[in-house]
Amino acid sequence: MLNPIEGVLELVERKMRRFMAEQKQEFQVSGEYATFTEQRLALMKEAVAMSKGVITHRL
């Protein structure tokens, strides 16, 4: 790892991917969105909100 920022981004990305994988089926079943793009954007926004807890002062 070259700098601390890369470590933080890696942790956030890992948390987001895990969340998105777990929630993908639920989003597809709900049928709330007209397009796949809208659905994906909503899922990514929720994943970012859930991943913010990973960032701490220690990192």
PDB file of N, CA and C in Angstrom:
ATOM      1  N   MET A   1       0.850  -1.164   0.000  1.00  0.00           N
ATOM      2  CA  MET A   1       0.000   0.000   0.000  1.00  0.00           C
ATOM      3  C   MET A   1       0.899   1.231   0.000  1.00  0.00           C
ATOM      4  N   LEU A   2       0.671   2.122  -0.931  1.00  0.00           N
ATOM      5  CA  LEU A   2       1.539   3.279  -1.076  1.00  0.00           C
ATOM      6  C   LEU A   2       1.190   4.416  -0.127  1.00  0.00           C
ATOM      7  N   ASN A   3      -0.069   4.648   0.141  1.00  0.00           N
ATOM      8  CA  ASN A   3      -0.428   5.708   1.071  1.00  0.00           C
ATOM      9  C   ASN A   3      -1.701   5.336   1.829  1.00  0.00           C
ATOM     10  N   PRO A   4      -1.950   6.016   2.949  1.00  0.00           N
ATOM     11  CA  PRO A   4      -3.101   5.667   3.788  1.00  0.00           C
ATOM     12  C   PRO A   4      -4.452   5.830   3.091  1.00  0.00           C
ATOM     13  N   ILE A   5      -4.549   6.772   2.162  1.00  0.00           N
ATOM     14  CA  ILE A   5      -5.813   6.988   1.458  1.00  0.00           C
ATOM     15  C   ILE A   5      -6.212   5.738   0.676  1.00  0.00           C
ATOM     16  N   GLU A   6      -5.242   5.074   0.069  1.00  0.00           N
ATOM     17  CA  GLU A   6      -5.536   3.852  -0.678  1.00  0.00           C
ATOM     18  C   GLU A   6      -6.137   2.792   0.234  1.00  0.00           C
ATOM     19  N   GLY A   7      -5.621   2.707   1.456  1.00  0.00           N
ATOM     20  CA  GLY A   7      -6.152   1.746   2.416  1.00  0.00           C
ATOM     21  C   GLY A   7      -7.595   2.036   2.774  1.00  0.00           C
ATOM     22  N   VAL A   8      -7.901   3.303   2.988  1.00  0.00           N
ATOM     23  CA  VAL A   8      -9.268   3.696   3.326  1.00  0.00           C
ATOM     24  C   VAL A   8     -10.206   3.388   2.164  1.00  0.00           C
ATOM     25  N   LEU A   9      -9.802   3.765   0.969  1.00  0.00           N
ATOM     26  CA  LEU A   9     -10.650   3.520  -0.201  1.00  0.00           C
ATOM     27  C   LEU A   9     -10.860   2.026  -0.436  1.00  0.00           C
ATOM     28  N   GLU A  10      -9.828   1.236  -0.180  1.00  0.00           N
ATOM     29  CA  GLU A  10      -9.948  -0.209  -0.346  1.00  0.00           C
ATOM     30  C   GLU A  10     -10.971  -0.784   0.635  1.00  0.00           C
ATOM     31  N   LEU A  11     -10.931  -0.328   1.886  1.00  0.00           N
ATOM     32  CA  LEU A  11     -11.889  -0.803   2.878  1.00  0.00           C
ATOM     33  C   LEU A  11     -13.317  -0.408   2.524  1.00  0.00           C
ATOM     34  N   VAL A  12     -13.498   0.834   2.096  1.00  0.00           N
ATOM     35  CA  VAL A  12     -14.828   1.303   1.722  1.00  0.00           C
ATOM     36  C   VAL A  12     -15.345   0.514   0.522  1.00  0.00           C
ATOM     37  N   GLU A  13     -14.487   0.310  -0.461  1.00  0.00           N
ATOM     38  CA  GLU A  13     -14.895  -0.442  -1.651  1.00  0.00           C
ATOM     39  C   GLU A  13     -15.281  -1.876  -1.286  1.00  0.00           C
ATOM     40  N   ARG A  14     -14.518  -2.508  -0.424  1.00  0.00           N
ATOM     41  CA  ARG A  14     -14.808  -3.881  -0.010  1.00  0.00           C
ATOM     42  C   ARG A  14     -16.164  -3.953   0.703  1.00  0.00           C
ATOM     43  N   LYS A  15     -16.402  -2.999   1.594  1.00  0.00           N
ATOM     44  CA  LYS A  15     -17.671  -2.960   2.329  1.00  0.00           C
ATOM     45  C   LYS A  15     -18.843  -2.716   1.370  1.00  0.00           C
ATOM     46  N   MET A  16     -18.649  -1.812   0.402  1.00  0.00           N
ATOM     47  CA  MET A  16     -19.702  -1.521  -0.570  1.00  0.00           C
ATOM     48  C   MET A  16     -20.029  -2.743  -1.417  1.00  0.00           C
ATOM     49  N   ARG A  17     -19.005  -3.427  -1.882  1.00  0.00           N
ATOM     50  CA  ARG A  17     -19.234  -4.607  -2.726  1.00  0.00           C
ATOM     51  C   ARG A  17     -20.002  -5.689  -1.966  1.00  0.00           C
ATOM     52  N   ARG A  18     -19.623  -5.893  -0.704  1.00  0.00           N
ATOM     53  CA  ARG A  18     -20.309  -6.896   0.103  1.00  0.00           C
ATOM     54  C   ARG A  18     -21.781  -6.511   0.286  1.00  0.00           C
ATOM     55  N   PHE A  19     -22.027  -5.252   0.619  1.00  0.00           N
ATOM     56  CA  PHE A  19     -23.395  -4.779   0.820  1.00  0.00           C
ATOM     57  C   PHE A  19     -24.203  -4.924  -0.462  1.00  0.00           C
ATOM     58  N   MET A  20     -23.637  -4.518  -1.584  1.00  0.00           N
ATOM     59  CA  MET A  20     -24.349  -4.580  -2.858  1.00  0.00           C
ATOM     60  C   MET A  20     -24.669  -6.023  -3.243  1.00  0.00           C
ATOM     61  N   ALA A  21     -23.750  -6.936  -2.968  1.00  0.00           N
ATOM     62  CA  ALA A  21     -24.001  -8.339  -3.284  1.00  0.00           C
ATOM     63  C   ALA A  21     -25.144  -8.888  -2.433  1.00  0.00           C
ATOM     64  N   GLU A  22     -25.184  -8.482  -1.161  1.00  0.00           N
ATOM     65  CA  GLU A  22     -26.230  -8.966  -0.268  1.00  0.00           C
ATOM     66  C   GLU A  22     -27.597  -8.377  -0.612  1.00  0.00           C
ATOM     67  N   GLN A  23     -27.641  -7.139  -1.056  1.00  0.00           N
ATOM     68  CA  GLN A  23     -28.902  -6.444  -1.279  1.00  0.00           C
ATOM     69  C   GLN A  23     -29.409  -6.509  -2.717  1.00  0.00           C
ATOM     70  N   LYS A  24     -28.609  -7.004  -3.636  1.00  0.00           N
ATOM     71  CA  LYS A  24     -28.972  -6.987  -5.054  1.00  0.00           C
ATOM     72  C   LYS A  24     -30.288  -7.714  -5.321  1.00  0.00           C
ATOM     73  N   GLN A  25     -30.439  -8.889  -4.780  1.00  0.00           N
ATOM     74  CA  GLN A  25     -31.651  -9.670  -5.018  1.00  0.00           C
ATOM     75  C   GLN A  25     -32.874  -8.939  -4.485  1.00  0.00           C
ATOM     76  N   GLU A  26     -32.752  -8.335  -3.316  1.00  0.00           N
ATOM     77  CA  GLU A  26     -33.874  -7.604  -2.728  1.00  0.00           C
ATOM     78  C   GLU A  26     -34.295  -6.435  -3.612  1.00  0.00           C
ATOM     79  N   PHE A  27     -33.329  -5.719  -4.173  1.00  0.00           N
ATOM     80  CA  PHE A  27     -33.637  -4.590  -5.043  1.00  0.00           C
ATOM     81  C   PHE A  27     -34.294  -5.063  -6.339  1.00  0.00           C
ATOM     82  N   GLN A  28     -33.869  -6.181  -6.872  1.00  0.00           N
ATOM     83  CA  GLN A  28     -34.437  -6.680  -8.122  1.00  0.00           C
ATOM     84  C   GLN A  28     -35.877  -7.140  -7.937  1.00  0.00           C
ATOM     85  N   VAL A  29     -36.182  -7.691  -6.800  1.00  0.00           N
ATOM     86  CA  VAL A  29     -37.518  -8.212  -6.540  1.00  0.00           C
ATOM     87  C   VAL A  29     -38.517  -7.088  -6.300  1.00  0.00           C
ATOM     88  N   SER A  30     -38.072  -5.996  -5.678  1.00  0.00           N
ATOM     89  CA  SER A  30     -39.004  -4.939  -5.276  1.00  0.00           C
ATOM     90  C   SER A  30     -39.691  -4.264  -6.458  1.00  0.00           C
ATOM     91  N   GLY A  31     -39.015  -4.093  -7.590  1.00  0.00           N
ATOM     92  CA  GLY A  31     -39.620  -3.501  -8.774  1.00  0.00           C
ATOM     93  C   GLY A  31     -39.971  -2.033  -8.636  1.00  0.00           C
ATOM     94  N   GLU A  32     -39.281  -1.311  -7.767  1.00  0.00           N
ATOM     95  CA  GLU A  32     -39.569   0.105  -7.539  1.00  0.00           C
ATOM     96  C   GLU A  32     -39.049   1.004  -8.653  1.00  0.00           C
ATOM     97  N   TYR A  33     -38.097   0.535  -9.426  1.00  0.00           N
ATOM     98  CA  TYR A  33     -37.409   1.390 -10.385  1.00  0.00           C
ATOM     99  C   TYR A  33     -37.754   1.005 -11.819  1.00  0.00           C
ATOM    100  N   ALA A  34     -37.832   2.033 -12.659  1.00  0.00           N
ATOM    101  CA  ALA A  34     -38.204   1.822 -14.058  1.00  0.00           C
ATOM    102  C   ALA A  34     -37.052   1.240 -14.871  1.00  0.00           C
ATOM    103  N   THR A  35     -35.815   1.622 -14.532  1.00  0.00           N
ATOM    104  CA  THR A  35     -34.661   1.149 -15.298  1.00  0.00           C
ATOM    105  C   THR A  35     -33.620   0.534 -14.376  1.00  0.00           C
ATOM    106  N   PHE A  36     -32.759  -0.261 -14.969  1.00  0.00           N
ATOM    107  CA  PHE A  36     -31.669  -0.876 -14.217  1.00  0.00           C
ATOM    108  C   PHE A  36     -30.723   0.191 -13.675  1.00  0.00           C
ATOM    109  N   THR A  37     -30.512   1.267 -14.435  1.00  0.00           N
ATOM    110  CA  THR A  37     -29.613   2.340 -14.009  1.00  0.00           C
ATOM    111  C   THR A  37     -30.128   3.010 -12.742  1.00  0.00           C
ATOM    112  N   GLU A  38     -31.409   3.290 -12.673  1.00  0.00           N
ATOM    113  CA  GLU A  38     -31.997   3.884 -11.469  1.00  0.00           C
ATOM    114  C   GLU A  38     -31.823   2.953 -10.272  1.00  0.00           C
ATOM    115  N   GLN A  39     -32.048   1.684 -10.512  1.00  0.00           N
ATOM    116  CA  GLN A  39     -31.920   0.686  -9.460  1.00  0.00           C
ATOM    117  C   GLN A  39     -30.482   0.619  -8.956  1.00  0.00           C
ATOM    118  N   ARG A  40     -29.537   0.592  -9.872  1.00  0.00           N
ATOM    119  CA  ARG A  40     -28.117   0.501  -9.519  1.00  0.00           C
ATOM    120  C   ARG A  40     -27.667   1.742  -8.751  1.00  0.00           C
ATOM    121  N   LEU A  41     -28.103   2.922  -9.169  1.00  0.00           N
ATOM    122  CA  LEU A  41     -27.738   4.154  -8.489  1.00  0.00           C
ATOM    123  C   LEU A  41     -28.274   4.173  -7.061  1.00  0.00           C
ATOM    124  N   ALA A  42     -29.511   3.759  -6.880  1.00  0.00           N
ATOM    125  CA  ALA A  42     -30.096   3.713  -5.537  1.00  0.00           C
ATOM    126  C   ALA A  42     -29.336   2.733  -4.651  1.00  0.00           C
ATOM    127  N   LEU A  43     -28.970   1.595  -5.207  1.00  0.00           N
ATOM    128  CA  LEU A  43     -28.220   0.594  -4.456  1.00  0.00           C
ATOM    129  C   LEU A  43     -26.845   1.125  -4.071  1.00  0.00           C
ATOM    130  N   MET A  44     -26.178   1.817  -4.996  1.00  0.00           N
ATOM    131  CA  MET A  44     -24.850   2.365  -4.709  1.00  0.00           C
ATOM    132  C   MET A  44     -24.918   3.471  -3.658  1.00  0.00           C
ATOM    133  N   LYS A  45     -25.946   4.316  -3.712  1.00  0.00           N
ATOM    134  CA  LYS A  45     -26.098   5.368  -2.706  1.00  0.00           C
ATOM    135  C   LYS A  45     -26.282   4.766  -1.318  1.00  0.00           C
ATOM    136  N   GLU A  46     -27.092   3.729  -1.235  1.00  0.00           N
ATOM    137  CA  GLU A  46     -27.305   3.074   0.053  1.00  0.00           C
ATOM    138  C   GLU A  46     -26.025   2.390   0.530  1.00  0.00           C
ATOM    139  N   ALA A  47     -25.272   1.799  -0.393  1.00  0.00           N
ATOM    140  CA  ALA A  47     -24.012   1.152  -0.035  1.00  0.00           C
ATOM    141  C   ALA A  47     -23.002   2.161   0.496  1.00  0.00           C
ATOM    142  N   VAL A  48     -22.929   3.335  -0.113  1.00  0.00           N
ATOM    143  CA  VAL A  48     -22.016   4.382   0.364  1.00  0.00           C
ATOM    144  C   VAL A  48     -22.419   4.816   1.764  1.00  0.00           C
ATOM    145  N   ALA A  49     -23.701   5.008   1.983  1.00  0.00           N
ATOM    146  CA  ALA A  49     -24.174   5.416   3.306  1.00  0.00           C
ATOM    147  C   ALA A  49     -23.818   4.372   4.361  1.00  0.00           C
ATOM    148  N   MET A  50     -23.947   3.096   4.028  1.00  0.00           N
ATOM    149  CA  MET A  50     -23.615   2.032   4.972  1.00  0.00           C
ATOM    150  C   MET A  50     -22.111   1.910   5.185  1.00  0.00           C
ATOM    151  N   SER A  51     -21.305   2.283   4.196  1.00  0.00           N
ATOM    152  CA  SER A  51     -19.852   2.121   4.270  1.00  0.00           C
ATOM    153  C   SER A  51     -19.157   3.252   5.008  1.00  0.00           C
ATOM    154  N   LYS A  52     -19.827   4.341   5.244  1.00  0.00           N
ATOM    155  CA  LYS A  52     -19.192   5.474   5.912  1.00  0.00           C
ATOM    156  C   LYS A  52     -18.687   5.118   7.303  1.00  0.00           C
ATOM    157  N   GLY A  53     -19.303   4.159   7.945  1.00  0.00           N
ATOM    158  CA  GLY A  53     -18.878   3.741   9.277  1.00  0.00           C
ATOM    159  C   GLY A  53     -17.505   3.096   9.300  1.00  0.00           C
ATOM    160  N   VAL A  54     -17.006   2.670   8.158  1.00  0.00           N
ATOM    161  CA  VAL A  54     -15.689   2.038   8.073  1.00  0.00           C
ATOM    162  C   VAL A  54     -14.581   3.065   8.288  1.00  0.00           C
ATOM    163  N   ILE A  55     -14.843   4.303   7.901  1.00  0.00           N
ATOM    164  CA  ILE A  55     -13.826   5.349   7.991  1.00  0.00           C
ATOM    165  C   ILE A  55     -13.758   5.852   9.427  1.00  0.00           C
ATOM    166  N   THR A  56     -12.617   5.639  10.054  1.00  0.00           N
ATOM    167  CA  THR A  56     -12.396   6.097  11.423  1.00  0.00           C
ATOM    168  C   THR A  56     -11.124   6.927  11.478  1.00  0.00           C
ATOM    169  N   HIS A  57     -10.913   7.581  12.590  1.00  0.00           N
ATOM    170  CA  HIS A  57      -9.714   8.405  12.750  1.00  0.00           C
ATOM    171  C   HIS A  57      -8.444   7.546  12.668  1.00  0.00           C
ATOM    172  N   ARG A  58      -8.534   6.304  13.150  1.00  0.00           N
ATOM    173  CA  ARG A  58      -7.389   5.395  13.136  1.00  0.00           C
ATOM    174  C   ARG A  58      -6.877   5.169  11.721  1.00  0.00           C
ATOM    175  N   LEU A  59      -7.783   5.129  10.756  1.00  0.00           N
ATOM    176  CA  LEU A  59      -7.390   4.899   9.367  1.00  0.00           C
ATOM    177  C   LEU A  59      -6.752   6.144   8.809  1.00  0.00           C
TER     178      LEU A  59
END
